[in-house]
N, C-alpha and C. Protein backbone atom coordinates (compact mmCIF):
# COMPACT_ATOMS: atom_id res chain seq x y z
N MET A 1 -15.18 10.83 -26.20
CA MET A 1 -14.48 9.98 -26.84
C MET A 1 -13.18 10.15 -26.30
N LYS A 2 -12.81 9.11 -26.37
CA LYS A 2 -11.31 8.69 -25.32
C LYS A 2 -10.21 9.74 -26.05
N ASP A 3 -10.30 9.44 -27.54
CA ASP A 3 -9.58 10.38 -28.17
C ASP A 3 -9.37 11.17 -28.21
N ASP A 4 -10.33 12.25 -27.94
CA ASP A 4 -10.73 13.88 -27.84
C ASP A 4 -9.51 14.72 -26.93
N ILE A 5 -8.81 13.68 -26.06
CA ILE A 5 -7.26 13.98 -25.28
C ILE A 5 -6.50 14.35 -26.31
N LEU A 6 -6.40 13.94 -27.87
CA LEU A 6 -5.38 13.99 -28.20
C LEU A 6 -5.68 14.71 -29.45
N ILE A 7 -6.68 15.40 -29.40
CA ILE A 7 -7.55 16.21 -30.36
C ILE A 7 -6.45 17.59 -31.29
N ASP A 8 -5.21 18.14 -30.55
CA ASP A 8 -4.79 19.14 -30.35
C ASP A 8 -3.84 19.00 -30.70
N VAL A 9 -3.17 17.40 -31.23
CA VAL A 9 -1.68 17.49 -31.50
C VAL A 9 -1.28 17.10 -32.52
N SER A 10 -0.20 16.66 -33.71
CA SER A 10 -0.26 16.61 -34.92
C SER A 10 -0.35 15.52 -35.22
N ARG A 11 -0.51 15.15 -36.49
CA ARG A 11 -0.46 14.01 -37.08
C ARG A 11 0.55 13.17 -36.74
N GLU A 12 2.22 13.85 -36.90
CA GLU A 12 3.38 13.11 -36.95
C GLU A 12 3.36 12.28 -35.38
N THR A 13 2.81 13.29 -34.26
CA THR A 13 2.80 12.68 -33.07
C THR A 13 1.86 11.70 -32.93
N ILE A 14 0.55 11.90 -33.18
CA ILE A 14 -0.41 10.38 -33.42
C ILE A 14 0.53 9.12 -34.12
N VAL A 15 1.35 9.24 -35.12
CA VAL A 15 2.17 8.25 -35.51
C VAL A 15 3.33 8.18 -34.50
N LEU A 16 3.74 8.81 -33.96
CA LEU A 16 4.98 8.65 -32.96
C LEU A 16 4.35 7.39 -31.98
N LEU A 17 3.35 7.80 -31.49
CA LEU A 17 2.50 6.92 -30.20
C LEU A 17 2.06 5.71 -31.16
N GLN A 18 1.65 5.84 -31.74
CA GLN A 18 1.33 4.42 -32.41
C GLN A 18 2.49 3.39 -32.59
N ARG A 19 3.68 4.33 -33.19
CA ARG A 19 4.66 3.60 -32.97
C ARG A 19 5.32 3.37 -32.06
N LEU A 20 5.28 3.58 -30.86
CA LEU A 20 5.58 3.42 -29.53
C LEU A 20 4.88 2.18 -28.79
N GLY A 21 3.02 2.07 -29.30
CA GLY A 21 2.31 0.89 -29.15
C GLY A 21 2.97 -0.27 -29.57
N LEU A 22 3.49 -0.12 -31.08
CA LEU A 22 4.21 -1.25 -31.74
C LEU A 22 5.36 -1.61 -31.56
N LEU A 23 6.36 -0.80 -30.36
CA LEU A 23 7.11 -1.23 -30.34
C LEU A 23 7.06 -2.13 -28.26
N VAL A 24 6.19 -1.42 -27.88
CA VAL A 24 5.91 -2.25 -26.52
C VAL A 24 5.72 -3.19 -26.83
N GLU A 25 4.71 -3.69 -28.20
CA GLU A 25 3.99 -5.00 -28.17
C GLU A 25 4.82 -6.25 -28.59
N LYS A 26 6.09 -5.39 -29.18
CA LYS A 26 7.15 -6.30 -29.73
C LYS A 26 8.26 -6.83 -28.35
N TRP A 27 8.61 -5.39 -28.01
CA TRP A 27 9.33 -6.34 -26.86
C TRP A 27 8.54 -6.89 -25.42
N ASN A 28 7.53 -6.45 -25.49
CA ASN A 28 6.54 -7.20 -24.63
C ASN A 28 6.49 -9.24 -24.71
N LYS A 29 7.10 -9.46 -26.04
CA LYS A 29 7.09 -10.62 -26.31
C LYS A 29 8.50 -11.70 -25.44
N SER A 30 9.65 -10.70 -25.34
CA SER A 30 10.99 -11.45 -24.20
C SER A 30 10.67 -10.67 -23.12
N ILE A 31 10.11 -9.22 -22.82
CA ILE A 31 10.30 -8.66 -21.51
C ILE A 31 9.11 -8.68 -20.97
N ASN A 32 8.50 -8.22 -19.75
CA ASN A 32 7.42 -8.21 -19.39
C ASN A 32 6.99 -7.33 -18.78
N LEU A 33 6.43 -5.74 -19.94
CA LEU A 33 6.38 -4.78 -19.92
C LEU A 33 4.94 -4.34 -19.42
N ILE A 34 4.30 -5.24 -20.33
CA ILE A 34 3.00 -4.65 -19.23
C ILE A 34 1.89 -6.18 -19.47
N SER A 35 1.30 -6.12 -19.04
CA SER A 35 0.33 -7.36 -18.89
C SER A 35 -0.49 -7.97 -20.38
N LYS A 36 -0.43 -9.35 -20.33
CA LYS A 36 -0.22 -9.90 -22.02
C LYS A 36 -2.09 -9.43 -22.14
N LYS A 37 -2.46 -9.59 -21.28
CA LYS A 37 -4.16 -8.95 -21.75
C LYS A 37 -4.81 -7.75 -21.83
N THR A 38 -3.92 -7.13 -21.41
CA THR A 38 -3.73 -5.40 -22.01
C THR A 38 -3.22 -5.17 -23.52
N VAL A 39 -2.47 -6.13 -23.92
CA VAL A 39 -1.65 -5.82 -25.33
C VAL A 39 -2.61 -5.43 -26.45
N PRO A 40 -3.59 -5.95 -26.58
CA PRO A 40 -4.56 -5.80 -27.63
C PRO A 40 -5.54 -4.16 -27.37
N GLU A 41 -5.49 -3.92 -26.09
CA GLU A 41 -5.78 -2.22 -25.62
C GLU A 41 -4.76 -1.20 -25.12
N ILE A 42 -3.48 -1.23 -25.87
CA ILE A 42 -2.38 -0.67 -25.60
C ILE A 42 -2.68 0.70 -25.30
N TRP A 43 -3.85 0.99 -26.94
CA TRP A 43 -3.94 2.37 -27.15
C TRP A 43 -4.88 3.35 -26.01
N ASN A 44 -5.91 2.21 -25.36
CA ASN A 44 -6.51 2.92 -24.18
C ASN A 44 -6.01 2.80 -23.11
N ARG A 45 -6.11 1.78 -22.71
CA ARG A 45 -5.48 1.26 -21.48
C ARG A 45 -3.84 2.05 -20.83
N HIS A 46 -3.08 2.72 -22.12
CA HIS A 46 -1.86 2.80 -21.86
C HIS A 46 -1.36 3.82 -22.29
N ILE A 47 -1.62 4.43 -23.73
CA ILE A 47 -1.32 5.45 -24.34
C ILE A 47 -2.24 6.70 -24.07
N LEU A 48 -3.86 6.61 -23.81
CA LEU A 48 -4.46 7.77 -23.75
C LEU A 48 -4.58 7.69 -22.43
N ASP A 49 -4.40 7.12 -21.21
CA ASP A 49 -4.37 6.56 -19.83
C ASP A 49 -2.74 7.50 -19.58
N SER A 50 -1.93 7.90 -20.25
CA SER A 50 -1.04 8.34 -20.31
C SER A 50 -0.98 9.90 -20.11
N ALA A 51 -1.49 9.64 -21.70
CA ALA A 51 -1.80 10.76 -22.14
C ALA A 51 -2.52 12.24 -21.27
N GLN A 52 -3.52 11.05 -20.55
CA GLN A 52 -4.07 12.14 -19.70
C GLN A 52 -3.29 12.53 -18.35
N ILE A 53 -2.39 11.94 -17.95
CA ILE A 53 -1.65 12.20 -16.88
C ILE A 53 -0.50 13.18 -17.18
N PHE A 54 -0.24 13.42 -18.94
CA PHE A 54 0.27 14.73 -19.18
C PHE A 54 -0.41 15.79 -19.27
N TYR A 55 -1.70 16.01 -19.74
CA TYR A 55 -2.76 16.72 -19.47
C TYR A 55 -3.22 17.01 -18.38
N ALA A 56 -2.61 16.42 -17.34
CA ALA A 56 -3.19 17.04 -15.45
C ALA A 56 -2.79 17.77 -15.28
N ASN A 57 -1.31 17.81 -16.09
CA ASN A 57 -0.07 19.73 -15.60
C ASN A 57 -0.65 20.76 -16.32
N ASN A 58 -1.55 21.58 -15.71
CA ASN A 58 -1.51 22.32 -17.08
C ASN A 58 -0.46 24.02 -16.97
N LYS A 59 0.49 23.45 -16.74
CA LYS A 59 1.68 24.77 -16.38
C LYS A 59 2.64 23.96 -17.21
N SER A 60 3.63 24.52 -17.95
CA SER A 60 5.15 24.33 -18.20
C SER A 60 5.65 23.41 -16.96
N PHE A 61 7.04 22.99 -17.47
CA PHE A 61 7.96 22.18 -16.53
C PHE A 61 9.48 22.32 -16.65
N LYS A 62 10.03 22.43 -15.89
CA LYS A 62 11.60 22.52 -16.14
C LYS A 62 12.07 20.69 -16.05
N LYS A 63 11.62 20.76 -15.15
CA LYS A 63 11.74 19.00 -15.40
C LYS A 63 10.25 18.05 -14.93
N TRP A 64 10.76 17.32 -15.43
CA TRP A 64 9.40 16.32 -15.16
C TRP A 64 9.89 14.68 -15.16
N LEU A 65 9.72 14.65 -13.54
CA LEU A 65 9.97 13.10 -12.94
C LEU A 65 9.02 12.42 -12.81
N ASP A 66 9.34 10.93 -14.22
CA ASP A 66 8.61 9.81 -14.28
C ASP A 66 9.46 8.54 -13.34
N ILE A 67 8.86 8.24 -12.11
CA ILE A 67 9.35 7.28 -11.63
C ILE A 67 8.74 5.84 -11.44
N GLY A 68 9.75 4.90 -11.87
CA GLY A 68 9.41 3.56 -12.05
C GLY A 68 8.91 3.13 -13.11
N SER A 69 9.30 4.19 -13.98
CA SER A 69 8.90 3.84 -15.61
C SER A 69 8.61 2.92 -16.27
N GLY A 70 8.94 1.76 -16.19
CA GLY A 70 8.88 0.19 -16.49
C GLY A 70 8.76 0.44 -17.91
N ALA A 71 7.61 0.00 -18.51
CA ALA A 71 7.20 0.03 -20.14
C ALA A 71 7.05 1.49 -20.86
N GLY A 72 7.60 2.60 -19.72
CA GLY A 72 7.70 3.49 -20.51
C GLY A 72 6.13 4.40 -20.35
N PHE A 73 5.56 4.41 -19.55
CA PHE A 73 4.03 4.81 -19.26
C PHE A 73 3.78 5.49 -17.82
N PRO A 74 3.56 6.80 -17.54
CA PRO A 74 3.41 7.74 -18.82
C PRO A 74 4.96 7.90 -19.25
N GLY A 75 6.17 8.18 -18.98
CA GLY A 75 6.92 9.00 -19.24
C GLY A 75 6.77 8.98 -21.06
N LEU A 76 7.26 8.42 -21.46
CA LEU A 76 7.47 8.35 -23.23
C LEU A 76 6.41 9.04 -23.56
N VAL A 77 5.24 8.89 -23.23
CA VAL A 77 4.61 9.64 -23.68
C VAL A 77 4.28 10.90 -23.09
N VAL A 78 4.69 11.64 -22.17
CA VAL A 78 4.72 12.70 -21.38
C VAL A 78 6.10 13.29 -22.89
N ALA A 79 7.23 12.47 -22.93
CA ALA A 79 8.13 13.21 -23.61
C ALA A 79 7.54 13.28 -24.83
N ILE A 80 6.97 12.56 -25.48
CA ILE A 80 6.37 12.94 -26.93
C ILE A 80 5.57 14.03 -26.89
N LEU A 81 4.71 13.75 -26.01
CA LEU A 81 3.47 14.90 -26.18
C LEU A 81 4.42 16.78 -25.62
N ALA A 82 5.60 16.59 -25.24
CA ALA A 82 6.45 17.56 -24.46
C ALA A 82 6.73 17.95 -25.98
N GLN A 83 7.13 16.88 -26.41
CA GLN A 83 7.76 17.31 -27.88
C GLN A 83 6.87 18.29 -29.04
N ASP A 84 5.80 17.88 -28.59
CA ASP A 84 4.46 18.56 -29.94
C ASP A 84 4.46 19.58 -29.50
N LYS A 85 4.32 19.86 -28.15
CA LYS A 85 4.08 21.39 -27.49
C LYS A 85 4.88 22.40 -27.37
N ASN A 86 6.00 21.85 -27.80
CA ASN A 86 7.66 22.66 -27.76
C ASN A 86 7.99 22.91 -26.27
N ILE A 87 7.60 22.28 -25.53
CA ILE A 87 8.13 22.19 -23.99
C ILE A 87 9.55 21.72 -24.13
N GLY A 88 10.27 23.11 -23.47
CA GLY A 88 11.81 22.80 -23.74
C GLY A 88 12.09 22.13 -22.25
N GLY A 89 11.61 21.70 -21.20
CA GLY A 89 11.83 21.16 -20.12
C GLY A 89 12.24 19.81 -20.36
N GLU A 90 12.85 19.08 -19.69
CA GLU A 90 13.74 17.98 -19.19
C GLU A 90 12.79 17.38 -19.13
N THR A 91 12.40 15.68 -19.39
CA THR A 91 11.90 14.35 -18.67
C THR A 91 12.42 13.59 -18.73
N VAL A 92 12.92 12.94 -17.08
CA VAL A 92 13.66 12.11 -17.20
C VAL A 92 12.58 10.62 -16.08
N LEU A 93 13.59 9.62 -17.14
CA LEU A 93 12.24 8.37 -16.55
C LEU A 93 13.52 7.72 -15.76
N VAL A 94 12.76 7.03 -14.21
CA VAL A 94 13.69 6.66 -13.45
C VAL A 94 13.00 4.64 -13.60
N GLU A 95 14.36 4.37 -13.50
CA GLU A 95 13.96 2.34 -13.60
C GLU A 95 14.79 1.72 -13.12
N SER A 96 14.70 0.72 -12.60
CA SER A 96 15.66 0.24 -11.96
C SER A 96 15.78 -0.95 -12.39
N ASP A 97 14.78 -1.86 -13.40
CA ASP A 97 14.86 -2.92 -14.45
C ASP A 97 16.03 -2.39 -15.44
N LYS A 98 17.51 -3.06 -15.16
CA LYS A 98 18.11 -2.81 -16.39
C LYS A 98 17.31 -3.32 -17.93
N ARG A 99 16.93 -4.43 -18.22
CA ARG A 99 16.15 -4.83 -19.48
C ARG A 99 15.50 -3.94 -20.08
N LYS A 100 14.64 -3.24 -18.87
CA LYS A 100 13.39 -2.43 -19.63
C LYS A 100 14.17 -0.80 -19.71
N CYS A 101 15.65 -0.12 -19.23
CA CYS A 101 16.16 0.62 -19.56
C CYS A 101 16.62 0.38 -20.92
N VAL A 102 17.24 -0.85 -21.46
CA VAL A 102 17.45 -1.22 -22.67
C VAL A 102 16.23 -0.82 -23.60
N PHE A 103 15.20 -1.02 -22.54
CA PHE A 103 13.69 -1.17 -24.18
C PHE A 103 13.52 0.62 -23.83
N LEU A 104 14.01 1.38 -23.08
CA LEU A 104 13.60 2.42 -23.14
C LEU A 104 14.55 3.45 -23.81
N SER A 105 15.99 2.80 -23.83
CA SER A 105 16.50 3.00 -24.61
C SER A 105 16.62 3.44 -26.00
N THR A 106 16.12 2.18 -26.76
CA THR A 106 15.62 1.72 -27.67
C THR A 106 14.90 2.80 -28.50
N VAL A 107 13.39 2.80 -27.56
CA VAL A 107 12.50 3.56 -28.07
C VAL A 107 12.70 4.89 -28.22
N LYS A 108 13.58 5.26 -27.27
CA LYS A 108 14.40 7.16 -27.40
C LYS A 108 14.84 7.00 -29.21
N ARG A 109 15.75 6.40 -29.03
CA ARG A 109 16.76 6.27 -30.36
C ARG A 109 15.82 5.89 -31.50
N GLU A 110 15.00 4.80 -31.54
CA GLU A 110 13.82 5.09 -33.03
C GLU A 110 12.92 5.89 -33.09
N LEU A 111 12.67 6.42 -32.11
CA LEU A 111 11.69 7.31 -32.41
C LEU A 111 11.97 9.50 -32.16
N ASN A 112 13.60 9.03 -32.22
CA ASN A 112 14.33 10.33 -32.15
C ASN A 112 13.70 10.84 -30.65
N LEU A 113 13.56 10.99 -29.51
CA LEU A 113 13.07 11.32 -28.70
C LEU A 113 13.84 11.90 -27.65
N ASN A 114 13.28 13.17 -26.79
CA ASN A 114 14.25 14.17 -25.89
C ASN A 114 14.00 13.82 -24.68
N PHE A 115 14.76 12.95 -23.47
CA PHE A 115 14.39 12.40 -21.96
C PHE A 115 15.67 11.82 -22.22
N SER A 116 15.64 11.31 -20.73
CA SER A 116 17.18 10.86 -20.02
C SER A 116 16.60 9.76 -19.01
N ILE A 117 17.38 9.02 -18.83
CA ILE A 117 17.11 7.46 -18.56
C ILE A 117 17.96 7.42 -17.16
N ILE A 118 17.54 7.44 -16.04
CA ILE A 118 18.43 6.63 -14.76
C ILE A 118 18.01 5.70 -14.06
N ASN A 119 19.05 4.47 -14.33
CA ASN A 119 18.99 3.32 -13.94
C ASN A 119 19.44 2.80 -12.97
N ASN A 120 18.33 3.11 -11.99
CA ASN A 120 18.44 3.08 -10.61
C ASN A 120 16.87 3.18 -9.91
N ARG A 121 16.67 2.59 -8.42
CA ARG A 121 15.85 2.96 -7.38
C ARG A 121 15.80 4.16 -7.35
N ILE A 122 14.18 4.76 -7.33
CA ILE A 122 14.23 5.90 -6.99
C ILE A 122 14.77 6.82 -5.98
N GLU A 123 14.43 5.43 -4.76
CA GLU A 123 15.24 6.13 -3.40
C GLU A 123 16.47 6.34 -3.51
N SER A 124 17.58 5.82 -4.78
CA SER A 124 18.70 5.31 -4.45
C SER A 124 19.30 7.16 -4.91
N CYS A 125 18.38 7.54 -6.03
CA CYS A 125 18.77 8.66 -7.12
C CYS A 125 19.12 10.03 -6.26
N ASP A 126 20.41 10.66 -7.15
CA ASP A 126 20.49 11.75 -6.59
C ASP A 126 19.05 12.77 -6.47
N ARG A 127 19.00 14.05 -5.68
CA ARG A 127 17.77 14.76 -5.80
C ARG A 127 17.78 15.41 -6.91
N GLN A 128 16.32 15.31 -7.67
CA GLN A 128 15.95 15.53 -9.05
C GLN A 128 15.05 16.92 -9.08
N GLN A 129 15.22 17.81 -8.05
CA GLN A 129 14.25 18.72 -7.96
C GLN A 129 13.46 19.22 -9.03
N ALA A 130 12.26 18.04 -9.18
CA ALA A 130 11.38 17.97 -10.22
C ALA A 130 10.01 19.08 -10.32
N ASP A 131 9.46 19.74 -11.29
CA ASP A 131 8.88 20.38 -11.21
C ASP A 131 7.39 19.55 -11.07
N VAL A 132 7.43 18.49 -11.83
CA VAL A 132 6.37 17.55 -12.10
C VAL A 132 6.82 16.17 -11.36
N ILE A 133 5.79 15.53 -10.87
CA ILE A 133 6.58 14.07 -10.67
C ILE A 133 4.99 12.74 -10.80
N SER A 134 5.54 11.90 -11.92
CA SER A 134 4.56 10.71 -12.31
C SER A 134 4.71 9.82 -11.97
N ALA A 135 3.73 8.97 -11.64
CA ALA A 135 3.85 7.19 -11.24
C ALA A 135 2.57 6.59 -11.84
N ARG A 136 2.50 5.30 -12.18
CA ARG A 136 1.26 4.78 -13.01
C ARG A 136 1.62 3.40 -12.39
N ALA A 137 0.80 2.48 -11.50
CA ALA A 137 0.58 1.36 -11.47
C ALA A 137 2.02 0.89 -10.78
N LEU A 138 2.91 2.16 -9.64
CA LEU A 138 3.97 1.91 -8.92
C LEU A 138 3.93 1.06 -7.52
N ALA A 139 2.74 2.02 -6.75
CA ALA A 139 3.04 1.82 -5.55
C ALA A 139 1.96 2.62 -4.84
N ASN A 140 1.47 1.89 -3.11
CA ASN A 140 0.14 2.86 -2.72
C ASN A 140 0.95 4.16 -2.53
N LEU A 141 -0.61 4.92 -2.79
CA LEU A 141 -0.15 6.53 -2.00
C LEU A 141 1.13 6.98 -1.20
N PRO A 142 0.39 6.77 0.02
CA PRO A 142 1.54 6.82 0.99
C PRO A 142 2.93 6.34 0.72
N SER A 143 3.55 5.50 -0.18
CA SER A 143 4.75 4.83 -0.38
C SER A 143 4.78 5.84 -1.77
N LEU A 144 3.95 6.08 -2.29
CA LEU A 144 4.28 7.01 -3.41
C LEU A 144 4.88 8.37 -2.95
N LEU A 145 4.22 8.64 -2.17
CA LEU A 145 4.53 10.10 -1.77
C LEU A 145 5.79 10.25 -0.82
N ASP A 146 6.88 9.12 -0.36
CA ASP A 146 7.66 8.58 0.70
C ASP A 146 8.42 9.02 -0.14
N LEU A 147 8.13 8.15 -1.69
CA LEU A 147 9.56 8.14 -2.24
C LEU A 147 9.67 9.45 -2.97
N SER A 148 8.70 10.22 -3.18
CA SER A 148 8.79 11.38 -4.52
C SER A 148 9.44 12.69 -3.28
N PHE A 149 9.32 12.62 -2.15
CA PHE A 149 9.71 13.59 -0.90
C PHE A 149 11.00 14.28 -1.82
N ASN A 150 11.92 13.19 -1.03
CA ASN A 150 13.38 14.11 -1.29
C ASN A 150 13.61 14.54 -2.77
N HIS A 151 12.27 14.39 -3.86
CA HIS A 151 12.89 14.76 -5.31
C HIS A 151 11.85 16.05 -5.24
N LEU A 152 11.44 16.69 -4.60
CA LEU A 152 10.65 17.72 -4.80
C LEU A 152 11.32 19.12 -4.87
N SER A 153 10.45 20.13 -5.56
CA SER A 153 10.97 21.54 -5.69
C SER A 153 10.27 22.13 -5.06
N ASP A 154 10.56 23.53 -5.03
CA ASP A 154 9.69 24.37 -4.44
C ASP A 154 8.08 24.09 -4.73
N LYS A 155 7.25 24.34 -6.11
CA LYS A 155 6.19 24.21 -6.14
C LYS A 155 6.22 22.72 -6.80
N THR A 156 6.43 21.52 -6.66
CA THR A 156 6.09 20.66 -7.42
C THR A 156 4.44 19.88 -7.38
N THR A 157 4.12 19.32 -8.38
CA THR A 157 3.03 18.93 -8.67
C THR A 157 3.43 16.98 -8.84
N LEU A 158 2.40 16.57 -8.06
CA LEU A 158 2.34 15.32 -8.14
C LEU A 158 1.99 14.62 -8.80
N ILE A 159 1.39 13.73 -10.32
CA ILE A 159 0.12 13.56 -10.10
C ILE A 159 0.26 11.45 -10.46
N PHE A 160 -0.50 11.28 -9.99
CA PHE A 160 -0.41 9.68 -10.11
C PHE A 160 -2.16 9.44 -10.19
N SER A 161 -1.35 7.86 -11.21
CA SER A 161 -2.84 7.43 -11.69
C SER A 161 -3.29 6.41 -10.63
N LYS A 162 -4.45 5.91 -10.05
CA LYS A 162 -5.18 5.66 -8.90
C LYS A 162 -6.33 4.85 -9.37
N GLY A 163 -6.66 3.99 -9.00
CA GLY A 163 -7.13 2.94 -9.38
C GLY A 163 -8.58 2.91 -7.82
N LYS A 164 -9.55 1.91 -8.52
CA LYS A 164 -11.05 2.22 -7.50
C LYS A 164 -10.59 2.36 -5.81
N SER A 165 -9.30 2.08 -5.78
CA SER A 165 -9.31 2.23 -3.94
C SER A 165 -8.38 3.66 -3.34
N TRP A 166 -8.61 4.48 -4.48
CA TRP A 166 -8.10 6.11 -4.18
C TRP A 166 -8.23 6.60 -3.23
N LYS A 167 -9.89 6.79 -2.57
CA LYS A 167 -10.07 7.04 -1.65
C LYS A 167 -9.25 6.87 -0.21
N GLU A 168 -9.59 5.23 0.03
CA GLU A 168 -8.80 4.55 1.24
C GLU A 168 -7.06 4.64 1.43
N GLU A 169 -6.81 4.80 -0.21
CA GLU A 169 -5.29 5.41 0.13
C GLU A 169 -5.21 6.73 0.18
N LEU A 170 -5.88 7.71 -0.06
CA LEU A 170 -5.76 9.20 0.33
C LEU A 170 -6.25 9.42 1.88
N VAL A 171 -6.65 8.57 2.35
CA VAL A 171 -6.77 8.92 3.92
C VAL A 171 -6.03 8.29 4.83
N ALA A 172 -5.18 6.87 4.14
CA ALA A 172 -4.29 6.46 4.73
C ALA A 172 -3.09 7.66 4.64
N ALA A 173 -2.82 8.13 3.07
CA ALA A 173 -2.11 9.23 2.82
C ALA A 173 -1.76 10.58 4.25
N GLU A 174 -3.01 10.63 4.30
CA GLU A 174 -3.58 12.04 5.37
C GLU A 174 -3.40 11.69 7.25
N LYS A 175 -2.90 10.79 7.21
CA LYS A 175 -1.73 10.39 8.40
C LYS A 175 -0.56 10.78 9.08
N THR A 176 -0.21 10.81 7.85
CA THR A 176 1.67 11.10 7.94
C THR A 176 1.35 12.15 6.88
N TRP A 177 1.12 12.25 6.18
CA TRP A 177 1.00 13.57 5.06
C TRP A 177 0.21 15.15 4.81
N ASN A 178 0.86 16.35 5.06
CA ASN A 178 -0.16 17.25 4.56
C ASN A 178 0.21 17.50 3.10
N PHE A 179 -1.29 17.65 2.12
CA PHE A 179 -1.13 18.51 1.06
C PHE A 179 -2.43 18.76 0.74
N SER A 180 -2.35 19.75 -0.16
CA SER A 180 -3.36 19.56 -1.21
C SER A 180 -3.98 18.51 -2.35
N TRP A 181 -4.93 18.40 -2.94
CA TRP A 181 -5.27 17.58 -3.68
C TRP A 181 -6.45 17.29 -4.63
N GLU A 182 -6.42 16.84 -5.45
CA GLU A 182 -7.40 17.00 -6.68
C GLU A 182 -7.85 16.03 -7.49
N ALA A 183 -8.96 15.20 -7.19
CA ALA A 183 -8.72 14.04 -7.84
C ALA A 183 -9.61 14.15 -9.41
N VAL A 184 -9.44 13.62 -10.15
CA VAL A 184 -10.00 13.91 -11.84
C VAL A 184 -10.30 12.17 -12.33
N THR A 185 -11.32 12.10 -12.78
CA THR A 185 -12.11 10.80 -13.41
C THR A 185 -11.29 10.77 -14.39
N SER A 186 -10.75 9.39 -14.56
CA SER A 186 -10.06 8.70 -15.64
C SER A 186 -10.82 8.72 -16.93
N ILE A 187 -10.26 8.71 -18.12
CA ILE A 187 -11.44 8.80 -19.66
C ILE A 187 -10.75 7.33 -19.54
N THR A 188 -10.23 6.52 -18.94
CA THR A 188 -9.94 5.05 -19.56
C THR A 188 -10.60 4.38 -18.70
N ASP A 189 -11.38 4.73 -17.41
CA ASP A 189 -12.04 4.01 -16.63
C ASP A 189 -12.61 4.75 -15.36
N GLU A 190 -14.06 4.49 -15.11
CA GLU A 190 -14.49 5.43 -14.47
C GLU A 190 -14.25 5.32 -12.92
N LYS A 191 -13.83 4.01 -12.50
CA LYS A 191 -13.59 4.30 -10.89
C LYS A 191 -12.38 4.29 -10.77
N SER A 192 -11.63 4.96 -11.57
CA SER A 192 -9.92 4.76 -11.28
C SER A 192 -10.19 6.87 -11.46
N VAL A 193 -9.16 7.26 -10.97
CA VAL A 193 -8.79 9.00 -11.36
C VAL A 193 -7.47 9.37 -11.07
N VAL A 194 -7.59 10.26 -12.07
CA VAL A 194 -5.77 11.11 -12.08
C VAL A 194 -5.81 12.33 -10.51
N LEU A 195 -5.05 11.66 -9.87
CA LEU A 195 -4.62 11.96 -8.68
C LEU A 195 -3.74 13.35 -8.39
N LYS A 196 -3.98 14.56 -8.90
CA LYS A 196 -3.04 15.61 -8.62
C LYS A 196 -2.84 16.31 -7.29
N ILE A 197 -1.59 15.91 -6.71
CA ILE A 197 -1.20 16.48 -5.32
C ILE A 197 -0.28 17.50 -4.98
N GLY A 198 -0.39 18.52 -4.21
CA GLY A 198 0.48 19.56 -3.90
C GLY A 198 0.98 20.09 -2.78
N GLU A 199 1.99 20.87 -2.57
CA GLU A 199 2.24 21.50 -1.47
C GLU A 199 2.24 20.46 -0.45
N LEU A 200 3.27 19.23 -0.70
CA LEU A 200 2.97 18.08 0.20
C LEU A 200 4.58 18.62 1.09
N SER A 201 4.05 17.95 2.43
CA SER A 201 4.73 18.18 3.74
C SER A 201 4.12 17.11 4.52
N ARG A 202 5.46 16.61 5.76
CA ARG A 202 5.25 15.46 6.50
C ARG A 202 4.49 16.25 7.80
N ALA A 203 3.22 15.03 7.97
CA ALA A 203 2.95 15.88 9.10
C ALA A 203 3.72 15.92 9.91
N ASN A 204 3.25 16.47 11.41
CA ASN A 204 3.82 16.47 12.66
C ASN A 204 3.46 15.65 13.59
């Protein structure tokens, strides 16, 4: 069962995630947060898909950087689950669209969550030195590595949700980058993976 990924969270956390889904559905009527055809499938397509990104990181963190946050997937789910696990690290959501940042701020206030919002393009942000960097449906892998590189700490784990072309993207990325990687089959789509990348450096 897909919901097994949330088997160890509190009932209050499940309610927060459900309220997040309702807020996304409400706001999606006025601004384009997610594809309209996925609205009836918010729980599986967006919330559980984001939860698996959170659980792909098997260690604590001081700073989790979510780039191109958009509707807050996975960033808002990360913030909710980190709160459930009493992880004291900072969650930072980067989003260039001002309207989407207003949405993120509204969720933060209404759900009483602890995270930061940067209304800017990731290319223009100050160096973040994050322990974890995540992204979902933002760009191809070579571009994601380029966008992330300036924000690495000494031992950053990059966690990206990738679709059925992930192997081709991996081959393309290896032409210009050195890194270790692990692909975990997605619980929401057997053709997709959660891609974990470490030891990132530019190839000579």
